[in-house]
Amino acid sequence: MENIIQYIPTVISYILVAVAILVAATNIITQVLKGILPKTLPTNILAFVVAMVVTLAAFFAVLQIIGLAFRWYLLAGAIVLGFAVAYAAMYSFDKLKQILESIAKNQV
């Protein structure tokens, strides 16, 4: 039996890439939906819902693609990952916007 510890860096790098892709997808979908939905809906709630939907959709897609059986603890991990994606999507976009605005002000 192979040593499982040797696969940990690979798995962590796959998870980080997946989180980055999910955050980018969440930001894009949230920005599109902000233009469509009423202005009374708070952006953070919208970003949270979008992050959960995108993360769980990706989770079930990966389960189907690799043929892994559904387990409750995998779903729990996907929900925790959804919270992380929502947090990153909510605050990374705001920070990026602030940085770009400060750069634009300094160049003018």
N, C-alpha and C. Protein backbone atom coordinates (compact mmCIF):
# COMPACT_ATOMS: atom_id res chain seq x y z
N MET A 1 0.84 -1.18 0.00
CA MET A 1 0.00 0.00 0.00
C MET A 1 0.88 1.24 0.00
N GLU A 2 0.52 2.18 -0.88
CA GLU A 2 1.34 3.37 -1.02
C GLU A 2 1.12 4.31 0.16
N ASN A 3 2.10 5.14 0.38
CA ASN A 3 2.04 6.11 1.47
C ASN A 3 1.14 7.28 1.05
N ILE A 4 0.08 7.53 1.81
CA ILE A 4 -0.88 8.58 1.47
C ILE A 4 -0.30 9.98 1.67
N ILE A 5 0.70 10.11 2.50
CA ILE A 5 1.27 11.42 2.78
C ILE A 5 1.92 12.03 1.55
N GLN A 6 2.39 11.22 0.65
CA GLN A 6 3.03 11.77 -0.55
C GLN A 6 2.04 12.46 -1.48
N TYR A 7 0.75 12.19 -1.33
CA TYR A 7 -0.26 12.81 -2.19
C TYR A 7 -0.84 14.10 -1.61
N ILE A 8 -0.53 14.43 -0.37
CA ILE A 8 -1.11 15.60 0.28
C ILE A 8 -0.77 16.90 -0.46
N PRO A 9 0.47 17.17 -0.86
CA PRO A 9 0.73 18.43 -1.58
C PRO A 9 -0.05 18.53 -2.90
N THR A 10 -0.20 17.43 -3.59
CA THR A 10 -0.95 17.44 -4.84
C THR A 10 -2.42 17.75 -4.60
N VAL A 11 -2.99 17.12 -3.60
CA VAL A 11 -4.41 17.34 -3.29
C VAL A 11 -4.64 18.77 -2.84
N ILE A 12 -3.75 19.30 -2.02
CA ILE A 12 -3.89 20.68 -1.56
C ILE A 12 -3.81 21.65 -2.73
N SER A 13 -2.90 21.41 -3.66
CA SER A 13 -2.80 22.30 -4.81
C SER A 13 -4.05 22.21 -5.69
N TYR A 14 -4.63 21.03 -5.85
CA TYR A 14 -5.88 20.89 -6.60
C TYR A 14 -7.02 21.65 -5.91
N ILE A 15 -7.08 21.56 -4.60
CA ILE A 15 -8.13 22.26 -3.86
C ILE A 15 -7.97 23.77 -3.99
N LEU A 16 -6.74 24.27 -3.91
CA LEU A 16 -6.51 25.71 -4.04
C LEU A 16 -6.88 26.22 -5.43
N VAL A 17 -6.56 25.45 -6.46
CA VAL A 17 -6.95 25.83 -7.82
C VAL A 17 -8.47 25.82 -7.95
N ALA A 18 -9.11 24.80 -7.37
CA ALA A 18 -10.58 24.72 -7.43
C ALA A 18 -11.21 25.91 -6.72
N VAL A 19 -10.67 26.30 -5.56
CA VAL A 19 -11.21 27.45 -4.84
C VAL A 19 -11.04 28.72 -5.66
N ALA A 20 -9.91 28.89 -6.29
CA ALA A 20 -9.69 30.09 -7.12
C ALA A 20 -10.68 30.14 -8.28
N ILE A 21 -10.91 29.02 -8.92
CA ILE A 21 -11.87 28.98 -10.02
C ILE A 21 -13.29 29.24 -9.52
N LEU A 22 -13.64 28.65 -8.38
CA LEU A 22 -14.97 28.85 -7.82
C LEU A 22 -15.19 30.30 -7.38
N VAL A 23 -14.17 30.93 -6.82
CA VAL A 23 -14.27 32.34 -6.43
C VAL A 23 -14.46 33.22 -7.66
N ALA A 24 -13.70 32.96 -8.71
CA ALA A 24 -13.84 33.74 -9.94
C ALA A 24 -15.23 33.56 -10.54
N ALA A 25 -15.71 32.33 -10.58
CA ALA A 25 -17.06 32.07 -11.11
C ALA A 25 -18.12 32.76 -10.26
N THR A 26 -17.95 32.70 -8.95
CA THR A 26 -18.91 33.35 -8.05
C THR A 26 -18.92 34.86 -8.27
N ASN A 27 -17.75 35.46 -8.40
CA ASN A 27 -17.69 36.91 -8.64
C ASN A 27 -18.36 37.30 -9.95
N ILE A 28 -18.11 36.53 -11.00
CA ILE A 28 -18.68 36.84 -12.31
C ILE A 28 -20.20 36.70 -12.27
N ILE A 29 -20.68 35.58 -11.73
CA ILE A 29 -22.13 35.34 -11.68
C ILE A 29 -22.81 36.38 -10.79
N THR A 30 -22.19 36.73 -9.68
CA THR A 30 -22.77 37.72 -8.78
C THR A 30 -22.88 39.09 -9.47
N GLN A 31 -21.86 39.48 -10.20
CA GLN A 31 -21.90 40.77 -10.89
C GLN A 31 -22.99 40.79 -11.96
N VAL A 32 -23.16 39.68 -12.66
CA VAL A 32 -24.22 39.61 -13.67
C VAL A 32 -25.60 39.67 -13.00
N LEU A 33 -25.76 38.91 -11.92
CA LEU A 33 -27.06 38.88 -11.24
C LEU A 33 -27.38 40.21 -10.56
N LYS A 34 -26.37 40.96 -10.14
CA LYS A 34 -26.61 42.27 -9.53
C LYS A 34 -27.29 43.21 -10.52
N GLY A 35 -26.96 43.07 -11.79
CA GLY A 35 -27.59 43.91 -12.80
C GLY A 35 -29.00 43.47 -13.15
N ILE A 36 -29.32 42.20 -12.88
CA ILE A 36 -30.63 41.67 -13.24
C ILE A 36 -31.62 41.76 -12.09
N LEU A 37 -31.17 41.41 -10.89
CA LEU A 37 -32.05 41.35 -9.73
C LEU A 37 -32.30 42.74 -9.15
N PRO A 38 -33.35 42.87 -8.32
CA PRO A 38 -33.63 44.18 -7.71
C PRO A 38 -32.49 44.65 -6.81
N LYS A 39 -32.37 45.95 -6.69
CA LYS A 39 -31.28 46.55 -5.90
C LYS A 39 -31.48 46.34 -4.40
N THR A 40 -32.65 45.91 -3.97
CA THR A 40 -32.91 45.74 -2.54
C THR A 40 -32.23 44.49 -1.97
N LEU A 41 -31.82 43.58 -2.82
CA LEU A 41 -31.15 42.36 -2.36
C LEU A 41 -29.69 42.68 -2.03
N PRO A 42 -29.26 42.43 -0.78
CA PRO A 42 -27.87 42.73 -0.42
C PRO A 42 -26.88 41.86 -1.22
N THR A 43 -25.80 42.48 -1.63
CA THR A 43 -24.82 41.80 -2.46
C THR A 43 -24.16 40.65 -1.72
N ASN A 44 -23.90 40.80 -0.43
CA ASN A 44 -23.26 39.72 0.32
C ASN A 44 -24.13 38.47 0.40
N ILE A 45 -25.44 38.66 0.55
CA ILE A 45 -26.34 37.50 0.57
C ILE A 45 -26.37 36.85 -0.80
N LEU A 46 -26.43 37.65 -1.83
CA LEU A 46 -26.41 37.11 -3.20
C LEU A 46 -25.11 36.35 -3.46
N ALA A 47 -23.99 36.92 -3.04
CA ALA A 47 -22.70 36.24 -3.24
C ALA A 47 -22.64 34.94 -2.46
N PHE A 48 -23.20 34.91 -1.25
CA PHE A 48 -23.21 33.68 -0.46
C PHE A 48 -24.04 32.59 -1.13
N VAL A 49 -25.22 32.95 -1.61
CA VAL A 49 -26.09 31.97 -2.27
C VAL A 49 -25.43 31.46 -3.55
N VAL A 50 -24.87 32.36 -4.33
CA VAL A 50 -24.21 31.96 -5.57
C VAL A 50 -23.01 31.06 -5.27
N ALA A 51 -22.23 31.39 -4.26
CA ALA A 51 -21.06 30.58 -3.90
C ALA A 51 -21.48 29.17 -3.49
N MET A 52 -22.54 29.07 -2.70
CA MET A 52 -23.00 27.74 -2.29
C MET A 52 -23.51 26.93 -3.48
N VAL A 53 -24.28 27.56 -4.34
CA VAL A 53 -24.82 26.85 -5.50
C VAL A 53 -23.68 26.40 -6.42
N VAL A 54 -22.75 27.30 -6.71
CA VAL A 54 -21.64 26.96 -7.60
C VAL A 54 -20.77 25.87 -6.98
N THR A 55 -20.47 25.98 -5.70
CA THR A 55 -19.61 25.00 -5.04
C THR A 55 -20.27 23.63 -4.99
N LEU A 56 -21.55 23.58 -4.63
CA LEU A 56 -22.23 22.28 -4.56
C LEU A 56 -22.43 21.68 -5.94
N ALA A 57 -22.68 22.52 -6.94
CA ALA A 57 -22.80 22.01 -8.31
C ALA A 57 -21.46 21.41 -8.76
N ALA A 58 -20.37 22.10 -8.46
CA ALA A 58 -19.05 21.58 -8.82
C ALA A 58 -18.74 20.30 -8.04
N PHE A 59 -19.15 20.24 -6.79
CA PHE A 59 -18.94 19.05 -5.96
C PHE A 59 -19.64 17.83 -6.57
N PHE A 60 -20.92 17.99 -6.92
CA PHE A 60 -21.65 16.86 -7.48
C PHE A 60 -21.14 16.50 -8.87
N ALA A 61 -20.68 17.50 -9.62
CA ALA A 61 -20.10 17.21 -10.94
C ALA A 61 -18.81 16.40 -10.80
N VAL A 62 -17.97 16.76 -9.85
CA VAL A 62 -16.73 16.02 -9.62
C VAL A 62 -17.02 14.59 -9.17
N LEU A 63 -18.03 14.44 -8.30
CA LEU A 63 -18.40 13.09 -7.87
C LEU A 63 -18.80 12.22 -9.06
N GLN A 64 -19.56 12.81 -9.98
CA GLN A 64 -19.98 12.05 -11.16
C GLN A 64 -18.81 11.76 -12.10
N ILE A 65 -17.94 12.74 -12.27
CA ILE A 65 -16.84 12.58 -13.22
C ILE A 65 -15.85 11.52 -12.76
N ILE A 66 -15.48 11.56 -11.47
CA ILE A 66 -14.48 10.59 -11.01
C ILE A 66 -15.11 9.30 -10.50
N GLY A 67 -16.44 9.26 -10.45
CA GLY A 67 -17.11 8.04 -10.05
C GLY A 67 -17.01 7.72 -8.57
N LEU A 68 -16.91 8.74 -7.76
CA LEU A 68 -16.80 8.56 -6.32
C LEU A 68 -18.19 8.46 -5.72
N ALA A 69 -18.37 7.55 -4.78
CA ALA A 69 -19.66 7.38 -4.12
C ALA A 69 -19.94 8.56 -3.19
N PHE A 70 -21.20 8.95 -3.11
CA PHE A 70 -21.60 10.05 -2.25
C PHE A 70 -21.50 9.62 -0.79
N ARG A 71 -20.87 10.44 0.02
CA ARG A 71 -20.79 10.22 1.46
C ARG A 71 -21.16 11.53 2.15
N TRP A 72 -21.74 11.42 3.35
CA TRP A 72 -22.20 12.61 4.06
C TRP A 72 -21.05 13.53 4.42
N TYR A 73 -19.90 12.97 4.74
CA TYR A 73 -18.78 13.80 5.15
C TYR A 73 -18.17 14.55 3.97
N LEU A 74 -18.32 14.02 2.77
CA LEU A 74 -17.89 14.76 1.59
C LEU A 74 -18.80 15.97 1.36
N LEU A 75 -20.09 15.78 1.58
CA LEU A 75 -21.02 16.91 1.47
C LEU A 75 -20.71 17.96 2.53
N ALA A 76 -20.40 17.54 3.75
CA ALA A 76 -20.05 18.48 4.81
C ALA A 76 -18.80 19.27 4.42
N GLY A 77 -17.83 18.60 3.85
CA GLY A 77 -16.62 19.28 3.38
C GLY A 77 -16.92 20.26 2.26
N ALA A 78 -17.83 19.89 1.36
CA ALA A 78 -18.20 20.79 0.27
C ALA A 78 -18.93 22.02 0.80
N ILE A 79 -19.74 21.85 1.83
CA ILE A 79 -20.44 23.00 2.43
C ILE A 79 -19.43 23.93 3.11
N VAL A 80 -18.46 23.37 3.81
CA VAL A 80 -17.41 24.19 4.43
C VAL A 80 -16.62 24.92 3.34
N LEU A 81 -16.32 24.23 2.25
CA LEU A 81 -15.64 24.86 1.12
C LEU A 81 -16.50 25.97 0.53
N GLY A 82 -17.81 25.78 0.50
CA GLY A 82 -18.72 26.82 0.02
C GLY A 82 -18.66 28.07 0.87
N PHE A 83 -18.56 27.89 2.19
CA PHE A 83 -18.40 29.06 3.08
C PHE A 83 -17.08 29.78 2.78
N ALA A 84 -16.02 29.02 2.55
CA ALA A 84 -14.72 29.63 2.24
C ALA A 84 -14.77 30.38 0.91
N VAL A 85 -15.42 29.79 -0.07
CA VAL A 85 -15.56 30.44 -1.37
C VAL A 85 -16.39 31.71 -1.24
N ALA A 86 -17.47 31.65 -0.46
CA ALA A 86 -18.31 32.83 -0.27
C ALA A 86 -17.53 33.95 0.42
N TYR A 87 -16.78 33.61 1.44
CA TYR A 87 -15.99 34.61 2.15
C TYR A 87 -14.95 35.23 1.22
N ALA A 88 -14.26 34.40 0.49
CA ALA A 88 -13.24 34.91 -0.43
C ALA A 88 -13.87 35.76 -1.54
N ALA A 89 -15.01 35.33 -2.04
CA ALA A 89 -15.66 36.08 -3.12
C ALA A 89 -16.18 37.42 -2.62
N MET A 90 -16.73 37.45 -1.41
CA MET A 90 -17.28 38.70 -0.89
C MET A 90 -16.19 39.73 -0.63
N TYR A 91 -15.07 39.31 -0.09
CA TYR A 91 -14.07 40.28 0.32
C TYR A 91 -12.95 40.47 -0.69
N SER A 92 -12.71 39.51 -1.53
CA SER A 92 -11.64 39.70 -2.52
C SER A 92 -12.06 40.71 -3.58
N PHE A 93 -13.32 40.67 -4.00
CA PHE A 93 -13.77 41.61 -5.02
C PHE A 93 -13.76 43.03 -4.49
N ASP A 94 -14.21 43.22 -3.26
CA ASP A 94 -14.20 44.56 -2.67
C ASP A 94 -12.78 45.10 -2.54
N LYS A 95 -11.87 44.26 -2.10
CA LYS A 95 -10.48 44.70 -1.95
C LYS A 95 -9.84 44.99 -3.31
N LEU A 96 -10.14 44.16 -4.29
CA LEU A 96 -9.60 44.38 -5.63
C LEU A 96 -10.12 45.70 -6.19
N LYS A 97 -11.39 45.98 -5.99
CA LYS A 97 -11.97 47.23 -6.46
C LYS A 97 -11.32 48.43 -5.77
N GLN A 98 -11.07 48.32 -4.46
CA GLN A 98 -10.41 49.41 -3.73
C GLN A 98 -9.00 49.64 -4.24
N ILE A 99 -8.27 48.56 -4.49
CA ILE A 99 -6.90 48.68 -4.98
C ILE A 99 -6.88 49.34 -6.35
N LEU A 100 -7.78 48.90 -7.24
CA LEU A 100 -7.82 49.49 -8.59
C LEU A 100 -8.22 50.95 -8.55
N GLU A 101 -9.14 51.32 -7.64
CA GLU A 101 -9.52 52.73 -7.52
C GLU A 101 -8.37 53.57 -6.99
N SER A 102 -7.61 53.04 -6.02
CA SER A 102 -6.49 53.81 -5.48
C SER A 102 -5.38 53.94 -6.52
N ILE A 103 -5.18 52.92 -7.32
CA ILE A 103 -4.18 53.01 -8.40
C ILE A 103 -4.62 54.04 -9.43
N ALA A 104 -5.91 54.06 -9.76
CA ALA A 104 -6.42 55.03 -10.74
C ALA A 104 -6.30 56.46 -10.21
N LYS A 105 -6.53 56.66 -8.92
CA LYS A 105 -6.42 58.00 -8.33
C LYS A 105 -4.97 58.47 -8.32
N ASN A 106 -4.03 57.58 -8.07
CA ASN A 106 -2.62 57.97 -8.01
C ASN A 106 -2.05 58.25 -9.38
N GLN A 107 -2.60 57.66 -10.43
CA GLN A 107 -2.07 57.87 -11.77
C GLN A 107 -2.63 59.11 -12.43
N VAL A 108 -3.77 59.59 -11.95
CA VAL A 108 -4.40 60.76 -12.59
C VAL A 108 -3.79 62.03 -12.11
